[in-house]
Amino acid sequence: MGTVIAIAIVFATVAAMEFVAWSSHKYIMHGFGWGWHRDHHEPHDNFLEKNDLYAVVGAAMSISMFAVGSPLIMGANAWWPGTWIGLGVLVYGLIYTFIHDGLVHQRWFRWVPKRGYAKRLVQAHKLHHATIGKEGGVSFGFIVARDPAALKRELRAQRSAGIAVLRDAVD
C-alpha cells in the first residue's frame, strides 16, 4: 500500500504543479517578477536568460521537500510524504524543461510537431508570446493547452479592450 500511496502523491504533485506554474506565471512572472521574466519575451542571442532563475526556485522547492522528507536531515521529525512531493516537483520540472525549453523554444533540440497535442502545446505557447509586454496574454500553463482558435479570440478581445498589445503576426 505504501508504494501505491507514494506513486499517487508523485502524480498528484505533478498535477498540482501545473496550477502552481500557471498561477506563478500569470501573477508573479507577469507581475512583480517581470524583471526576471522579461528577457524570455524579448529577442536575444544569450543561451541563458534571467528567466532561468525561476528554474532555480523550482529546484529549491523540490530540494526543500526532499529535505523535509529525509530522516537523515530531519531525524524523527521527517515527514515521509515530503520525499514524494519533492519527486513530483522534480518530475514536473523535467516535463517543463522538455516541453517548454525543448519543444516550444527549441533550446535543446529541433523538432516542429505537425499534428497532435505537441503541436497544440507549441501553438498555445506561441500565442502566449504574441503580446508585447507583461499585460494581457493567454496560455500561462505549460502542460495544459487550450484550443489555439479560442486563444486567438481571447487575444483579439484583449486588444479591443485595450488590455494587451499584440505583435502583428496574430492578426
N, C-alpha and C. Protein backbone atom coordinates (compact mmCIF):
# COMPACT_ATOMS: atom_id res chain seq x y z
N MET A 1 0.81 -1.21 0.00
CA MET A 1 0.00 0.00 0.00
C MET A 1 0.85 1.26 0.00
N GLY A 2 2.01 1.24 0.67
CA GLY A 2 2.88 2.40 0.73
C GLY A 2 3.37 2.84 -0.63
N THR A 3 3.68 1.90 -1.50
CA THR A 3 4.16 2.22 -2.85
C THR A 3 3.06 2.90 -3.66
N VAL A 4 1.84 2.38 -3.56
CA VAL A 4 0.71 2.97 -4.29
C VAL A 4 0.48 4.41 -3.82
N ILE A 5 0.54 4.64 -2.53
CA ILE A 5 0.34 5.99 -1.99
C ILE A 5 1.47 6.91 -2.45
N ALA A 6 2.70 6.42 -2.43
CA ALA A 6 3.84 7.23 -2.87
C ALA A 6 3.68 7.63 -4.34
N ILE A 7 3.30 6.70 -5.18
CA ILE A 7 3.10 6.99 -6.61
C ILE A 7 1.95 7.98 -6.79
N ALA A 8 0.88 7.80 -6.02
CA ALA A 8 -0.26 8.72 -6.08
C ALA A 8 0.16 10.14 -5.68
N ILE A 9 1.01 10.25 -4.66
CA ILE A 9 1.50 11.56 -4.22
C ILE A 9 2.32 12.21 -5.32
N VAL A 10 3.19 11.43 -5.98
CA VAL A 10 4.00 11.97 -7.07
C VAL A 10 3.10 12.48 -8.19
N PHE A 11 2.13 11.68 -8.63
CA PHE A 11 1.23 12.10 -9.71
C PHE A 11 0.39 13.30 -9.30
N ALA A 12 -0.12 13.31 -8.07
CA ALA A 12 -0.92 14.45 -7.58
C ALA A 12 -0.07 15.72 -7.54
N THR A 13 1.19 15.58 -7.15
CA THR A 13 2.08 16.74 -7.11
C THR A 13 2.34 17.27 -8.50
N VAL A 14 2.58 16.39 -9.47
CA VAL A 14 2.80 16.83 -10.85
C VAL A 14 1.58 17.60 -11.34
N ALA A 15 0.38 17.08 -11.07
CA ALA A 15 -0.85 17.76 -11.48
C ALA A 15 -0.98 19.11 -10.77
N ALA A 16 -0.72 19.15 -9.48
CA ALA A 16 -0.82 20.39 -8.72
C ALA A 16 0.20 21.42 -9.21
N MET A 17 1.36 20.95 -9.64
CA MET A 17 2.40 21.87 -10.11
C MET A 17 1.99 22.61 -11.38
N GLU A 18 1.11 22.03 -12.17
CA GLU A 18 0.63 22.78 -13.34
C GLU A 18 -0.16 24.00 -12.88
N PHE A 19 -0.96 23.86 -11.82
CA PHE A 19 -1.67 25.02 -11.27
C PHE A 19 -0.69 26.01 -10.65
N VAL A 20 0.30 25.51 -9.92
CA VAL A 20 1.32 26.38 -9.33
C VAL A 20 2.05 27.14 -10.43
N ALA A 21 2.41 26.43 -11.50
CA ALA A 21 3.12 27.06 -12.62
C ALA A 21 2.24 28.10 -13.30
N TRP A 22 0.97 27.74 -13.55
CA TRP A 22 0.04 28.68 -14.21
C TRP A 22 -0.12 29.95 -13.38
N SER A 23 -0.41 29.80 -12.09
CA SER A 23 -0.64 30.98 -11.25
C SER A 23 0.65 31.78 -11.05
N SER A 24 1.78 31.10 -10.89
CA SER A 24 3.06 31.81 -10.76
C SER A 24 3.39 32.57 -12.04
N HIS A 25 3.14 31.94 -13.18
CA HIS A 25 3.43 32.58 -14.46
C HIS A 25 2.54 33.80 -14.65
N LYS A 26 1.26 33.66 -14.38
CA LYS A 26 0.31 34.75 -14.60
C LYS A 26 0.50 35.90 -13.61
N TYR A 27 0.63 35.58 -12.32
CA TYR A 27 0.60 36.61 -11.31
C TYR A 27 1.97 37.04 -10.78
N ILE A 28 2.98 36.20 -10.91
CA ILE A 28 4.31 36.59 -10.46
C ILE A 28 5.18 36.99 -11.65
N MET A 29 5.34 36.05 -12.61
CA MET A 29 6.22 36.34 -13.74
C MET A 29 5.71 37.50 -14.59
N HIS A 30 4.39 37.61 -14.72
CA HIS A 30 3.81 38.73 -15.47
C HIS A 30 3.34 39.82 -14.52
N GLY A 31 3.81 39.79 -13.29
CA GLY A 31 3.51 40.80 -12.28
C GLY A 31 4.81 41.35 -11.73
N PHE A 32 4.97 41.25 -10.41
CA PHE A 32 6.15 41.84 -9.78
C PHE A 32 7.45 41.13 -10.16
N GLY A 33 7.38 39.91 -10.71
CA GLY A 33 8.58 39.17 -11.12
C GLY A 33 8.94 39.36 -12.58
N TRP A 34 8.33 40.35 -13.24
CA TRP A 34 8.57 40.60 -14.66
C TRP A 34 10.05 40.87 -14.94
N GLY A 35 10.77 41.43 -14.00
CA GLY A 35 12.19 41.72 -14.21
C GLY A 35 13.00 40.48 -14.56
N TRP A 36 12.65 39.35 -13.97
CA TRP A 36 13.32 38.09 -14.31
C TRP A 36 12.75 37.50 -15.59
N HIS A 37 11.49 37.73 -15.87
CA HIS A 37 10.80 37.05 -16.97
C HIS A 37 10.87 37.81 -18.30
N ARG A 38 11.11 39.11 -18.24
CA ARG A 38 11.05 39.96 -19.44
C ARG A 38 11.91 39.42 -20.58
N ASP A 39 13.16 39.05 -20.29
CA ASP A 39 14.05 38.63 -21.37
C ASP A 39 13.56 37.37 -22.08
N HIS A 40 12.70 36.62 -21.44
CA HIS A 40 12.12 35.44 -22.08
C HIS A 40 11.16 35.84 -23.20
N HIS A 41 10.59 37.03 -23.11
CA HIS A 41 9.63 37.52 -24.09
C HIS A 41 10.27 38.44 -25.12
N GLU A 42 11.54 38.68 -25.03
CA GLU A 42 12.22 39.57 -25.96
C GLU A 42 13.30 38.81 -26.70
N PRO A 43 13.55 39.18 -27.96
CA PRO A 43 14.61 38.50 -28.72
C PRO A 43 15.98 38.73 -28.09
N HIS A 44 16.78 37.67 -28.09
CA HIS A 44 18.16 37.77 -27.59
C HIS A 44 18.96 36.59 -28.13
N ASP A 45 20.27 36.70 -28.03
CA ASP A 45 21.16 35.64 -28.51
C ASP A 45 21.83 34.88 -27.37
N ASN A 46 21.46 35.17 -26.15
CA ASN A 46 22.09 34.51 -24.99
C ASN A 46 21.54 33.10 -24.82
N PHE A 47 22.40 32.18 -24.40
CA PHE A 47 21.94 30.82 -24.11
C PHE A 47 21.09 30.81 -22.85
N LEU A 48 21.52 31.55 -21.84
CA LEU A 48 20.77 31.64 -20.59
C LEU A 48 19.98 32.94 -20.55
N GLU A 49 18.90 32.91 -19.75
CA GLU A 49 18.05 34.08 -19.56
C GLU A 49 17.91 34.31 -18.06
N LYS A 50 17.59 35.54 -17.65
CA LYS A 50 17.26 35.78 -16.25
C LYS A 50 16.08 34.89 -15.86
N ASN A 51 15.18 34.65 -16.80
CA ASN A 51 14.01 33.81 -16.57
C ASN A 51 14.40 32.42 -16.05
N ASP A 52 15.59 31.95 -16.36
CA ASP A 52 16.05 30.64 -15.89
C ASP A 52 16.19 30.61 -14.37
N LEU A 53 16.22 31.77 -13.74
CA LEU A 53 16.26 31.81 -12.27
C LEU A 53 15.01 31.18 -11.67
N TYR A 54 13.90 31.20 -12.41
CA TYR A 54 12.69 30.54 -11.92
C TYR A 54 12.89 29.03 -11.82
N ALA A 55 13.73 28.46 -12.66
CA ALA A 55 14.04 27.03 -12.55
C ALA A 55 14.80 26.76 -11.25
N VAL A 56 15.64 27.70 -10.84
CA VAL A 56 16.35 27.56 -9.57
C VAL A 56 15.35 27.58 -8.42
N VAL A 57 14.32 28.43 -8.52
CA VAL A 57 13.28 28.47 -7.49
C VAL A 57 12.56 27.12 -7.44
N GLY A 58 12.22 26.56 -8.60
CA GLY A 58 11.58 25.25 -8.65
C GLY A 58 12.47 24.17 -8.06
N ALA A 59 13.76 24.22 -8.37
CA ALA A 59 14.70 23.24 -7.81
C ALA A 59 14.77 23.38 -6.30
N ALA A 60 14.75 24.60 -5.80
CA ALA A 60 14.79 24.82 -4.35
C ALA A 60 13.53 24.24 -3.69
N MET A 61 12.39 24.37 -4.36
CA MET A 61 11.15 23.78 -3.82
C MET A 61 11.30 22.27 -3.72
N SER A 62 11.81 21.65 -4.77
CA SER A 62 11.97 20.21 -4.79
C SER A 62 12.97 19.75 -3.73
N ILE A 63 14.11 20.40 -3.68
CA ILE A 63 15.15 20.04 -2.71
C ILE A 63 14.63 20.21 -1.28
N SER A 64 13.89 21.28 -1.05
CA SER A 64 13.33 21.52 0.29
C SER A 64 12.41 20.39 0.71
N MET A 65 11.57 19.93 -0.23
CA MET A 65 10.65 18.84 0.11
C MET A 65 11.41 17.53 0.33
N PHE A 66 12.46 17.29 -0.47
CA PHE A 66 13.29 16.11 -0.22
C PHE A 66 13.90 16.19 1.18
N ALA A 67 14.36 17.37 1.57
CA ALA A 67 14.97 17.54 2.90
C ALA A 67 13.94 17.32 4.01
N VAL A 68 12.73 17.87 3.83
CA VAL A 68 11.68 17.70 4.84
C VAL A 68 11.32 16.23 5.01
N GLY A 69 11.41 15.46 3.92
CA GLY A 69 11.07 14.04 3.98
C GLY A 69 12.22 13.14 4.37
N SER A 70 13.41 13.69 4.57
CA SER A 70 14.59 12.88 4.83
C SER A 70 14.87 12.68 6.31
N PRO A 71 14.87 11.42 6.77
CA PRO A 71 15.27 11.17 8.15
C PRO A 71 16.74 11.53 8.41
N LEU A 72 17.57 11.51 7.38
CA LEU A 72 18.97 11.90 7.54
C LEU A 72 19.11 13.37 7.91
N ILE A 73 18.19 14.19 7.41
CA ILE A 73 18.25 15.63 7.68
C ILE A 73 17.34 16.01 8.84
N MET A 74 16.13 15.50 8.83
CA MET A 74 15.13 15.90 9.82
C MET A 74 15.03 14.96 11.03
N GLY A 75 15.71 13.82 10.94
CA GLY A 75 15.65 12.86 12.03
C GLY A 75 14.23 12.34 12.23
N ALA A 76 13.80 12.25 13.46
CA ALA A 76 12.46 11.74 13.78
C ALA A 76 11.36 12.67 13.31
N ASN A 77 11.70 13.91 13.00
CA ASN A 77 10.71 14.88 12.54
C ASN A 77 10.48 14.82 11.03
N ALA A 78 11.12 13.90 10.34
CA ALA A 78 10.95 13.78 8.88
C ALA A 78 9.49 13.50 8.57
N TRP A 79 9.01 14.14 7.52
CA TRP A 79 7.63 13.97 7.06
C TRP A 79 7.69 13.18 5.76
N TRP A 80 7.39 11.86 5.82
CA TRP A 80 7.66 10.97 4.69
C TRP A 80 7.02 11.42 3.38
N PRO A 81 5.84 12.05 3.34
CA PRO A 81 5.32 12.49 2.03
C PRO A 81 6.20 13.53 1.35
N GLY A 82 7.02 14.24 2.15
CA GLY A 82 7.88 15.27 1.58
C GLY A 82 8.78 14.75 0.47
N THR A 83 9.31 13.55 0.67
CA THR A 83 10.18 12.94 -0.36
C THR A 83 9.42 12.78 -1.67
N TRP A 84 8.19 12.31 -1.59
CA TRP A 84 7.40 12.03 -2.80
C TRP A 84 6.89 13.31 -3.43
N ILE A 85 6.60 14.31 -2.61
CA ILE A 85 6.24 15.63 -3.14
C ILE A 85 7.45 16.23 -3.85
N GLY A 86 8.61 16.12 -3.24
CA GLY A 86 9.84 16.60 -3.88
C GLY A 86 10.09 15.92 -5.21
N LEU A 87 9.82 14.61 -5.26
CA LEU A 87 9.97 13.88 -6.52
C LEU A 87 8.97 14.37 -7.56
N GLY A 88 7.74 14.64 -7.14
CA GLY A 88 6.72 15.16 -8.06
C GLY A 88 7.11 16.52 -8.62
N VAL A 89 7.65 17.40 -7.77
CA VAL A 89 8.11 18.71 -8.23
C VAL A 89 9.26 18.52 -9.23
N LEU A 90 10.17 17.60 -8.95
CA LEU A 90 11.27 17.30 -9.85
C LEU A 90 10.76 16.79 -11.20
N VAL A 91 9.81 15.86 -11.17
CA VAL A 91 9.25 15.32 -12.42
C VAL A 91 8.59 16.44 -13.22
N TYR A 92 7.83 17.30 -12.54
CA TYR A 92 7.21 18.43 -13.25
C TYR A 92 8.29 19.31 -13.87
N GLY A 93 9.36 19.57 -13.14
CA GLY A 93 10.45 20.38 -13.67
C GLY A 93 11.08 19.77 -14.91
N LEU A 94 11.22 18.45 -14.92
CA LEU A 94 11.77 17.76 -16.10
C LEU A 94 10.80 17.86 -17.28
N ILE A 95 9.50 17.68 -17.01
CA ILE A 95 8.49 17.81 -18.06
C ILE A 95 8.52 19.24 -18.61
N TYR A 96 8.56 20.22 -17.72
CA TYR A 96 8.63 21.62 -18.12
C TYR A 96 9.85 21.87 -19.00
N THR A 97 11.00 21.37 -18.56
CA THR A 97 12.24 21.59 -19.31
C THR A 97 12.14 20.97 -20.70
N PHE A 98 11.60 19.77 -20.77
CA PHE A 98 11.47 19.10 -22.07
C PHE A 98 10.46 19.81 -22.97
N ILE A 99 9.28 20.12 -22.42
CA ILE A 99 8.22 20.71 -23.25
C ILE A 99 8.49 22.19 -23.54
N HIS A 100 8.68 22.98 -22.50
CA HIS A 100 8.80 24.43 -22.70
C HIS A 100 10.13 24.82 -23.32
N ASP A 101 11.22 24.43 -22.68
CA ASP A 101 12.53 24.82 -23.19
C ASP A 101 12.93 24.02 -24.42
N GLY A 102 12.60 22.72 -24.43
CA GLY A 102 13.00 21.86 -25.55
C GLY A 102 12.07 21.98 -26.74
N LEU A 103 10.84 21.57 -26.57
CA LEU A 103 9.90 21.52 -27.69
C LEU A 103 9.47 22.90 -28.16
N VAL A 104 9.00 23.74 -27.25
CA VAL A 104 8.43 25.03 -27.65
C VAL A 104 9.51 26.01 -28.09
N HIS A 105 10.53 26.19 -27.27
CA HIS A 105 11.56 27.19 -27.59
C HIS A 105 12.80 26.59 -28.25
N GLN A 106 12.82 25.29 -28.42
CA GLN A 106 13.88 24.58 -29.15
C GLN A 106 15.27 24.93 -28.64
N ARG A 107 15.41 24.99 -27.31
CA ARG A 107 16.71 25.27 -26.72
C ARG A 107 17.59 24.02 -26.70
N TRP A 108 17.00 22.83 -26.68
CA TRP A 108 17.78 21.60 -26.55
C TRP A 108 17.76 20.76 -27.81
N PHE A 109 16.71 20.87 -28.62
CA PHE A 109 16.61 20.08 -29.85
C PHE A 109 15.69 20.78 -30.83
N ARG A 110 15.75 20.37 -32.09
CA ARG A 110 14.92 20.95 -33.15
C ARG A 110 13.91 19.92 -33.62
N TRP A 111 12.66 20.18 -33.35
CA TRP A 111 11.57 19.35 -33.86
C TRP A 111 10.30 20.19 -33.82
N VAL A 112 9.65 20.32 -34.94
CA VAL A 112 8.40 21.06 -35.02
C VAL A 112 7.28 20.04 -35.27
N PRO A 113 6.42 19.85 -34.27
CA PRO A 113 5.34 18.86 -34.44
C PRO A 113 4.34 19.32 -35.49
N LYS A 114 3.88 18.39 -36.29
CA LYS A 114 2.95 18.69 -37.38
C LYS A 114 1.49 18.47 -36.98
N ARG A 115 1.26 17.70 -35.92
CA ARG A 115 -0.11 17.42 -35.51
C ARG A 115 -0.13 16.96 -34.06
N GLY A 116 -1.32 16.81 -33.55
CA GLY A 116 -1.50 16.25 -32.22
C GLY A 116 -1.30 17.26 -31.11
N TYR A 117 -1.21 16.71 -29.90
CA TYR A 117 -1.14 17.55 -28.71
C TYR A 117 0.16 18.35 -28.65
N ALA A 118 1.26 17.79 -29.15
CA ALA A 118 2.52 18.53 -29.15
C ALA A 118 2.40 19.80 -29.99
N LYS A 119 1.73 19.71 -31.14
CA LYS A 119 1.51 20.90 -31.97
C LYS A 119 0.66 21.92 -31.21
N ARG A 120 -0.37 21.44 -30.52
CA ARG A 120 -1.25 22.32 -29.77
C ARG A 120 -0.48 23.03 -28.65
N LEU A 121 0.41 22.32 -27.97
CA LEU A 121 1.24 22.94 -26.93
C LEU A 121 2.10 24.06 -27.50
N VAL A 122 2.73 23.79 -28.64
CA VAL A 122 3.58 24.79 -29.27
C VAL A 122 2.75 26.00 -29.68
N GLN A 123 1.61 25.76 -30.32
CA GLN A 123 0.75 26.87 -30.77
C GLN A 123 0.29 27.71 -29.59
N ALA A 124 -0.15 27.05 -28.51
CA ALA A 124 -0.65 27.78 -27.35
C ALA A 124 0.44 28.65 -26.74
N HIS A 125 1.65 28.13 -26.66
CA HIS A 125 2.71 28.93 -26.05
C HIS A 125 3.17 30.04 -26.98
N LYS A 126 3.15 29.79 -28.28
CA LYS A 126 3.49 30.87 -29.22
C LYS A 126 2.47 31.99 -29.10
N LEU A 127 1.20 31.64 -28.88
CA LEU A 127 0.18 32.67 -28.68
C LEU A 127 0.39 33.40 -27.36
N HIS A 128 0.94 32.71 -26.37
CA HIS A 128 1.30 33.40 -25.12
C HIS A 128 2.32 34.50 -25.41
N HIS A 129 3.23 34.23 -26.32
CA HIS A 129 4.28 35.19 -26.67
C HIS A 129 3.81 36.23 -27.69
N ALA A 130 2.54 36.22 -28.04
CA ALA A 130 2.01 37.15 -29.03
C ALA A 130 1.83 38.55 -28.47
N THR A 131 1.85 38.70 -27.16
CA THR A 131 1.69 40.03 -26.58
C THR A 131 3.04 40.71 -26.44
N ILE A 132 3.01 42.03 -26.49
CA ILE A 132 4.20 42.84 -26.25
C ILE A 132 4.07 43.38 -24.83
N GLY A 133 5.00 43.07 -23.98
CA GLY A 133 4.94 43.50 -22.59
C GLY A 133 4.27 42.46 -21.71
N LYS A 134 4.07 42.82 -20.46
CA LYS A 134 3.56 41.86 -19.49
C LYS A 134 2.05 41.85 -19.37
N GLU A 135 1.37 42.82 -19.93
CA GLU A 135 -0.08 42.93 -19.78
C GLU A 135 -0.81 41.99 -20.71
N GLY A 136 -1.97 41.53 -20.24
CA GLY A 136 -2.79 40.63 -21.05
C GLY A 136 -2.13 39.28 -21.21
N GLY A 137 -2.47 38.61 -22.27
CA GLY A 137 -1.87 37.32 -22.57
C GLY A 137 -2.81 36.16 -22.32
N VAL A 138 -2.43 35.03 -22.85
CA VAL A 138 -3.19 33.79 -22.74
C VAL A 138 -2.22 32.65 -22.49
N SER A 139 -2.75 31.50 -22.14
CA SER A 139 -1.99 30.26 -22.04
C SER A 139 -0.78 30.39 -21.11
N PHE A 140 -1.06 30.51 -19.82
CA PHE A 140 0.01 30.67 -18.84
C PHE A 140 0.50 29.34 -18.29
N GLY A 141 -0.19 28.24 -18.58
CA GLY A 141 0.26 26.93 -18.14
C GLY A 141 1.34 26.40 -19.06
N PHE A 142 1.85 25.21 -18.72
CA PHE A 142 2.93 24.65 -19.52
C PHE A 142 2.63 23.26 -20.05
N ILE A 143 1.69 22.57 -19.44
CA ILE A 143 1.33 21.23 -19.89
C ILE A 143 -0.08 21.22 -20.48
N VAL A 144 -0.96 22.00 -19.90
CA VAL A 144 -2.34 22.08 -20.38
C VAL A 144 -2.42 23.19 -21.42
N ALA A 145 -2.91 22.87 -22.58
CA ALA A 145 -3.01 23.85 -23.67
C ALA A 145 -4.43 23.90 -24.20
N ARG A 146 -5.01 25.08 -24.15
CA ARG A 146 -6.36 25.27 -24.68
C ARG A 146 -6.32 25.35 -26.20
N ASP A 147 -7.49 25.31 -26.81
CA ASP A 147 -7.64 25.37 -28.26
C ASP A 147 -7.04 26.69 -28.79
N PRO A 148 -6.11 26.62 -29.74
CA PRO A 148 -5.49 27.84 -30.27
C PRO A 148 -6.49 28.83 -30.86
N ALA A 149 -7.56 28.36 -31.47
CA ALA A 149 -8.57 29.28 -32.02
C ALA A 149 -9.22 30.09 -30.91
N ALA A 150 -9.52 29.45 -29.80
CA ALA A 150 -10.10 30.16 -28.65
C ALA A 150 -9.11 31.15 -28.07
N LEU A 151 -7.84 30.77 -28.03
CA LEU A 151 -6.81 31.68 -27.51
C LEU A 151 -6.67 32.91 -28.40
N LYS A 152 -6.75 32.73 -29.72
CA LYS A 152 -6.68 33.87 -30.65
C LYS A 152 -7.85 34.81 -30.43
N ARG A 153 -9.04 34.25 -30.24
CA ARG A 153 -10.22 35.09 -29.98
C ARG A 153 -10.03 35.89 -28.69
N GLU A 154 -9.49 35.24 -27.67
CA GLU A 154 -9.26 35.91 -26.39
C GLU A 154 -8.23 37.03 -26.54
N LEU A 155 -7.18 36.80 -27.31
CA LEU A 155 -6.17 37.83 -27.54
C LEU A 155 -6.77 39.03 -28.28
N ARG A 156 -7.58 38.76 -29.29
CA ARG A 156 -8.22 39.85 -30.03
C ARG A 156 -9.14 40.66 -29.12
N ALA A 157 -9.86 39.98 -28.24
CA ALA A 157 -10.74 40.68 -27.29
C ALA A 157 -9.91 41.54 -26.33
N GLN A 158 -8.77 41.03 -25.89
CA GLN A 158 -7.89 41.81 -25.01
C GLN A 158 -7.38 43.05 -25.73
N ARG A 159 -7.04 42.88 -27.01
CA ARG A 159 -6.56 44.02 -27.78
C ARG A 159 -7.67 45.05 -27.94
N SER A 160 -8.88 44.60 -28.25
CA SER A 160 -10.02 45.51 -28.42
C SER A 160 -10.33 46.26 -27.13
N ALA A 161 -10.14 45.60 -26.00
CA ALA A 161 -10.43 46.21 -24.70
C ALA A 161 -9.26 47.08 -24.21
N GLY A 162 -8.16 47.12 -24.96
CA GLY A 162 -7.01 47.91 -24.57
C GLY A 162 -6.16 47.28 -23.48
N ILE A 163 -6.36 45.97 -23.25
CA ILE A 163 -5.61 45.27 -22.20
C ILE A 163 -4.24 44.83 -22.69
N ALA A 164 -4.17 44.37 -23.94
CA ALA A 164 -2.92 43.82 -24.46
C ALA A 164 -2.55 44.48 -25.79
N VAL A 165 -1.25 44.57 -26.01
CA VAL A 165 -0.72 44.99 -27.30
C VAL A 165 -0.19 43.72 -27.96
N LEU A 166 -0.66 43.45 -29.19
CA LEU A 166 -0.30 42.22 -29.86
C LEU A 166 0.75 42.47 -30.96
N ARG A 167 1.56 41.47 -31.17
CA ARG A 167 2.50 41.51 -32.29
C ARG A 167 1.69 41.38 -33.58
N ASP A 168 2.21 41.86 -34.68
CA ASP A 168 1.48 41.85 -35.94
C ASP A 168 1.08 40.47 -36.41
N ALA A 169 1.85 39.45 -36.11
CA ALA A 169 1.61 38.10 -36.62
C ALA A 169 0.30 37.50 -36.14
N VAL A 170 -0.31 38.04 -35.09
CA VAL A 170 -1.53 37.46 -34.54
C VAL A 170 -2.76 37.84 -35.35
N ASP A 171 -2.73 38.98 -36.01
CA ASP A 171 -3.90 39.47 -36.75
C ASP A 171 -4.38 38.55 -37.81
